[in-house]
Amino acid sequence: MTKINTCQTEACDLQSCLNRNTYAPEKCEKNLRSLYECCQRFYKLTEGRGESTSCPLPNVVQRWMRDHPKEKDWQ
């Protein structure tokens, strides 16, 4: 299967953030979440069979999303 550039914008935004913040991932959490959410949507649309140069393997995305649930907005 040919790999496509799905989620490349999100991956590049994350890399730029990490470069700006000297690889301090805690300062780039929004970018990281954005990438994983994009990858999750991509794998859902392709039923886990798609390949993207910007996304980790589907099981890695699932595990990360499970381990990093969105915080509820208590406002």
Protein backbone atom coordinates (compact mmCIF):
# COMPACT_ATOMS: atom_id res chain seq x y z
CA MET A 1 0.00 0.00 0.00
CA THR A 2 1.29 3.46 -0.87
CA LYS A 3 1.94 5.77 2.05
CA ILE A 4 0.28 9.17 1.89
CA ASN A 5 0.92 12.46 3.65
CA THR A 6 -2.18 12.40 5.81
CA CYS A 7 -1.65 14.45 8.99
CA GLN A 8 1.60 15.92 7.67
CA THR A 9 0.52 19.45 8.63
CA GLU A 10 -0.03 18.34 12.22
CA ALA A 11 3.28 16.46 12.28
CA CYS A 12 5.15 19.49 10.94
CA ASP A 13 3.44 21.77 13.47
CA LEU A 14 4.54 19.44 16.26
CA GLN A 15 8.12 19.34 14.97
CA SER A 16 8.20 23.14 14.73
CA CYS A 17 6.91 23.46 18.28
CA LEU A 18 9.50 20.99 19.56
CA ASN A 19 12.26 22.87 17.72
CA ARG A 20 11.11 26.21 19.19
CA ASN A 21 10.91 24.77 22.69
CA THR A 22 14.16 22.81 22.67
CA TYR A 23 12.36 19.50 22.62
CA ALA A 24 10.28 20.22 25.74
CA PRO A 25 7.23 18.07 24.93
CA GLU A 26 5.17 19.51 27.78
CA LYS A 27 5.08 22.81 25.85
CA CYS A 28 3.74 21.08 22.74
CA GLU A 29 0.94 18.96 24.18
CA LYS A 30 -1.72 20.63 22.01
CA ASN A 31 0.30 19.86 18.89
CA LEU A 32 0.89 16.27 19.97
CA ARG A 33 -2.81 15.74 20.69
CA SER A 34 -3.72 17.31 17.35
CA LEU A 35 -1.45 14.86 15.52
CA TYR A 36 -2.78 11.81 17.36
CA GLU A 37 -6.40 12.90 16.85
CA CYS A 38 -5.71 13.34 13.13
CA CYS A 39 -4.10 9.90 12.97
CA GLN A 40 -6.99 8.38 14.89
CA ARG A 41 -9.48 9.83 12.37
CA PHE A 42 -7.31 8.60 9.48
CA TYR A 43 -7.13 5.05 10.82
CA LYS A 44 -10.85 5.05 11.54
CA LEU A 45 -11.60 6.08 7.94
CA THR A 46 -9.25 3.43 6.55
CA GLU A 47 -10.33 0.78 9.06
CA GLY A 48 -6.75 0.62 10.37
CA ARG A 49 -5.30 -0.32 7.00
CA GLY A 50 -4.07 3.09 5.88
CA GLU A 51 -0.42 4.09 5.99
CA SER A 52 0.82 7.59 6.60
CA THR A 53 4.36 8.88 6.78
CA SER A 54 3.22 11.18 9.61
CA CYS A 55 1.41 8.72 11.87
CA PRO A 56 2.64 6.01 14.19
CA LEU A 57 1.18 2.52 13.82
CA PRO A 58 -2.55 2.23 14.63
CA ASN A 59 -1.97 0.34 17.89
CA VAL A 60 0.40 3.09 19.08
CA VAL A 61 -2.22 5.74 18.34
CA GLN A 62 -4.91 3.74 20.16
CA ARG A 63 -2.70 3.24 23.20
CA TRP A 64 -1.67 6.92 23.34
CA MET A 65 -5.28 8.08 23.07
CA ARG A 66 -6.31 5.65 25.82
CA ASP A 67 -3.46 6.76 28.07
CA HIS A 68 -4.06 10.49 27.43
CA PRO A 69 -7.81 11.12 27.66
CA LYS A 70 -8.99 14.65 26.99
CA GLU A 71 -9.44 16.69 30.12
CA LYS A 72 -13.01 17.66 30.79
CA ASP A 73 -13.86 21.32 30.66
CA TRP A 74 -15.19 22.13 34.13
CA GLN A 75 -16.15 25.74 33.33
